[in-house]
Amino acid sequence: MRRLLIFAIMLLPQLLLAQSYSTNRSRGRIEIKGDVAVSQLVQKHIELNERVRTIPGYRIQVASLSGTASKNRAFEMKERIREMYPGVEAYVVFDEPNFKVKVGDFRTRLEAYVFLQHIRGDFPGTIIRDNILPTQINWDEMVPESEDDI
């Protein structure tokens, strides 16, 4: 009798708090009521994201120059990098009050690190920076031709 009472006490909360389960589920309809300006703002955000195609990536910052003639020195360094490393793009970015020289469009930090080790002898003090890259991706290069390429 005592065991039956303990069993009933333990089972009672389970029965009271249990939710009904039905295999016959119907689809509901959700209606969101809100300000029209919010909907317009969301639509503008969607349109902007469709126009601006960018992805997260990495670039190597080679120099951060300030002072007189820093702009000229930055563009000279950019041309020097292009001559030394053909096929790798170099950029000059004005981040007030500095002109920063950055190199590469790397998808992963590891790719950037490998190239950083390659140029560190010519440009000491280089660092990897997070960046937002334009999405000009050749998808044929991204897909391996065979399982050996994986």
Protein backbone atom coordinates (compact mmCIF):
# COMPACT_ATOMS: atom_id res chain seq x y z
CA MET A 1 0.00 0.00 0.00
CA ARG A 2 2.79 2.34 0.90
CA ARG A 3 4.56 1.62 -2.41
CA LEU A 4 1.38 2.31 -4.33
CA LEU A 5 1.02 5.66 -2.57
CA ILE A 6 4.64 6.63 -3.37
CA PHE A 7 4.15 5.55 -6.98
CA ALA A 8 0.95 7.64 -7.24
CA ILE A 9 2.69 10.70 -5.75
CA MET A 10 5.53 10.40 -8.26
CA LEU A 11 3.20 9.82 -11.22
CA LEU A 12 0.67 12.57 -10.40
CA PRO A 13 2.94 15.57 -11.32
CA GLN A 14 3.87 13.87 -14.58
CA LEU A 15 0.23 13.52 -15.54
CA LEU A 16 -0.70 17.05 -14.52
CA LEU A 17 2.18 18.74 -16.33
CA ALA A 18 2.23 16.57 -19.43
CA GLN A 19 1.28 18.21 -22.70
CA SER A 20 -1.03 16.57 -25.11
CA TYR A 21 0.63 15.21 -28.23
CA SER A 22 -1.20 14.88 -31.47
CA THR A 23 0.12 13.39 -34.70
CA ASN A 24 -2.45 15.39 -36.64
CA ARG A 25 -0.68 18.75 -36.81
CA SER A 26 -2.21 21.57 -38.77
CA ARG A 27 -0.28 24.44 -40.27
CA GLY A 28 -0.85 27.77 -38.60
CA ARG A 29 -0.70 31.26 -39.95
CA ILE A 30 1.40 33.98 -38.38
CA GLU A 31 0.48 37.59 -38.87
CA ILE A 32 2.92 40.25 -37.71
CA LYS A 33 1.50 43.69 -37.08
CA GLY A 34 3.98 46.51 -36.94
CA ASP A 35 4.98 49.92 -38.20
CA VAL A 36 5.26 50.26 -41.99
CA ALA A 37 8.56 52.14 -41.58
CA VAL A 38 10.15 49.03 -40.05
CA SER A 39 9.11 46.95 -43.05
CA GLN A 40 10.53 49.57 -45.42
CA LEU A 41 13.79 49.67 -43.49
CA VAL A 42 14.11 45.88 -43.61
CA GLN A 43 13.44 45.94 -47.37
CA LYS A 44 16.17 48.60 -47.88
CA HIS A 45 18.57 46.44 -45.87
CA ILE A 46 17.79 43.42 -48.06
CA GLU A 47 18.32 45.47 -51.25
CA LEU A 48 21.65 46.81 -49.98
CA ASN A 49 22.88 43.31 -49.15
CA GLU A 50 21.94 42.13 -52.64
CA ARG A 51 23.95 44.96 -54.25
CA VAL A 52 27.05 44.87 -52.05
CA ARG A 53 28.64 41.44 -52.33
CA THR A 54 31.32 40.97 -49.69
CA ILE A 55 32.71 38.16 -47.57
CA PRO A 56 34.85 38.14 -44.44
CA GLY A 57 38.53 37.62 -45.14
CA TYR A 58 42.05 38.71 -44.28
CA ARG A 59 44.71 41.08 -45.57
CA ILE A 60 48.26 41.62 -44.40
CA GLN A 61 49.06 45.13 -43.23
CA VAL A 62 52.56 45.93 -44.40
CA ALA A 63 52.82 49.52 -43.18
CA SER A 64 50.96 52.31 -41.42
CA LEU A 65 52.44 55.65 -42.44
CA SER A 66 51.73 59.15 -41.18
CA GLY A 67 53.30 62.54 -41.50
CA THR A 68 54.51 64.50 -44.47
CA ALA A 69 54.79 62.63 -47.76
CA SER A 70 53.16 59.55 -46.20
CA LYS A 71 50.74 59.28 -49.11
CA ASN A 72 53.58 59.21 -51.65
CA ARG A 73 55.55 56.69 -49.57
CA ALA A 74 52.47 54.46 -49.28
CA PHE A 75 51.88 54.40 -53.05
CA GLU A 76 55.59 53.80 -53.70
CA MET A 77 55.48 50.85 -51.31
CA LYS A 78 52.36 49.53 -53.08
CA GLU A 79 54.17 49.57 -56.43
CA ARG A 80 57.24 47.92 -54.89
CA ILE A 81 55.05 45.11 -53.52
CA ARG A 82 53.40 44.63 -56.92
CA GLU A 83 56.84 44.32 -58.56
CA MET A 84 58.18 41.92 -55.91
CA TYR A 85 55.06 39.74 -55.70
CA PRO A 86 53.20 39.70 -59.02
CA GLY A 87 49.72 38.22 -58.82
CA VAL A 88 49.16 39.51 -55.29
CA GLU A 89 47.06 42.64 -55.02
CA ALA A 90 48.22 45.57 -52.86
CA TYR A 91 46.00 48.31 -51.45
CA VAL A 92 46.48 51.75 -49.93
CA VAL A 93 43.81 52.66 -47.38
CA PHE A 94 43.48 56.07 -45.77
CA ASP A 95 42.51 55.63 -42.12
CA GLU A 96 42.86 59.13 -40.72
CA PRO A 97 45.60 60.21 -40.06
CA ASN A 98 47.44 57.15 -41.44
CA PHE A 99 47.93 55.65 -44.87
CA LYS A 100 47.94 51.87 -44.50
CA VAL A 101 49.42 49.54 -47.08
CA LYS A 102 47.70 46.15 -47.19
CA VAL A 103 48.40 43.07 -49.28
CA GLY A 104 46.30 40.15 -50.49
CA ASP A 105 42.75 38.86 -50.47
CA PHE A 106 42.93 35.79 -48.25
CA ARG A 107 39.84 33.76 -47.39
CA THR A 108 41.34 32.15 -44.27
CA ARG A 109 43.79 33.29 -41.61
CA LEU A 110 45.98 30.31 -42.47
CA GLU A 111 46.37 31.45 -46.10
CA ALA A 112 47.30 34.92 -44.86
CA TYR A 113 49.78 33.48 -42.36
CA VAL A 114 51.54 31.42 -45.05
CA PHE A 115 52.01 34.53 -47.22
CA LEU A 116 53.02 36.58 -44.16
CA GLN A 117 55.89 34.16 -43.53
CA HIS A 118 56.90 34.58 -47.18
CA ILE A 119 57.10 38.41 -47.09
CA ARG A 120 58.23 38.94 -43.50
CA GLY A 121 61.90 39.12 -44.54
CA ASP A 122 61.22 42.00 -46.95
CA PHE A 123 58.72 43.80 -44.74
CA PRO A 124 59.35 43.35 -41.00
CA GLY A 125 56.54 44.30 -38.66
CA THR A 126 53.74 43.04 -40.91
CA ILE A 127 50.53 41.85 -39.26
CA ILE A 128 47.36 40.05 -40.33
CA ARG A 129 44.17 42.12 -40.26
CA ASP A 130 40.54 41.06 -40.56
CA ASN A 131 38.95 42.59 -43.60
CA ILE A 132 35.86 42.52 -45.74
CA LEU A 133 36.65 41.34 -49.23
CA PRO A 134 34.68 41.78 -52.45
CA THR A 135 33.19 38.51 -53.66
CA GLN A 136 34.85 38.05 -57.00
CA ILE A 137 35.21 34.31 -56.60
CA ASN A 138 35.88 31.90 -59.41
CA TRP A 139 33.78 28.96 -58.26
CA ASP A 140 35.52 26.58 -60.70
CA GLU A 141 38.72 27.01 -58.69
CA MET A 142 36.89 26.34 -55.43
CA VAL A 143 35.43 22.95 -56.44
CA PRO A 144 38.01 20.11 -56.40
CA GLU A 145 38.31 18.25 -59.69
CA SER A 146 38.91 14.91 -57.99
CA GLU A 147 38.97 13.45 -54.51
CA ASP A 148 42.79 13.67 -54.58
CA ASP A 149 42.48 17.49 -54.50
CA ILE A 150 40.57 17.43 -51.21
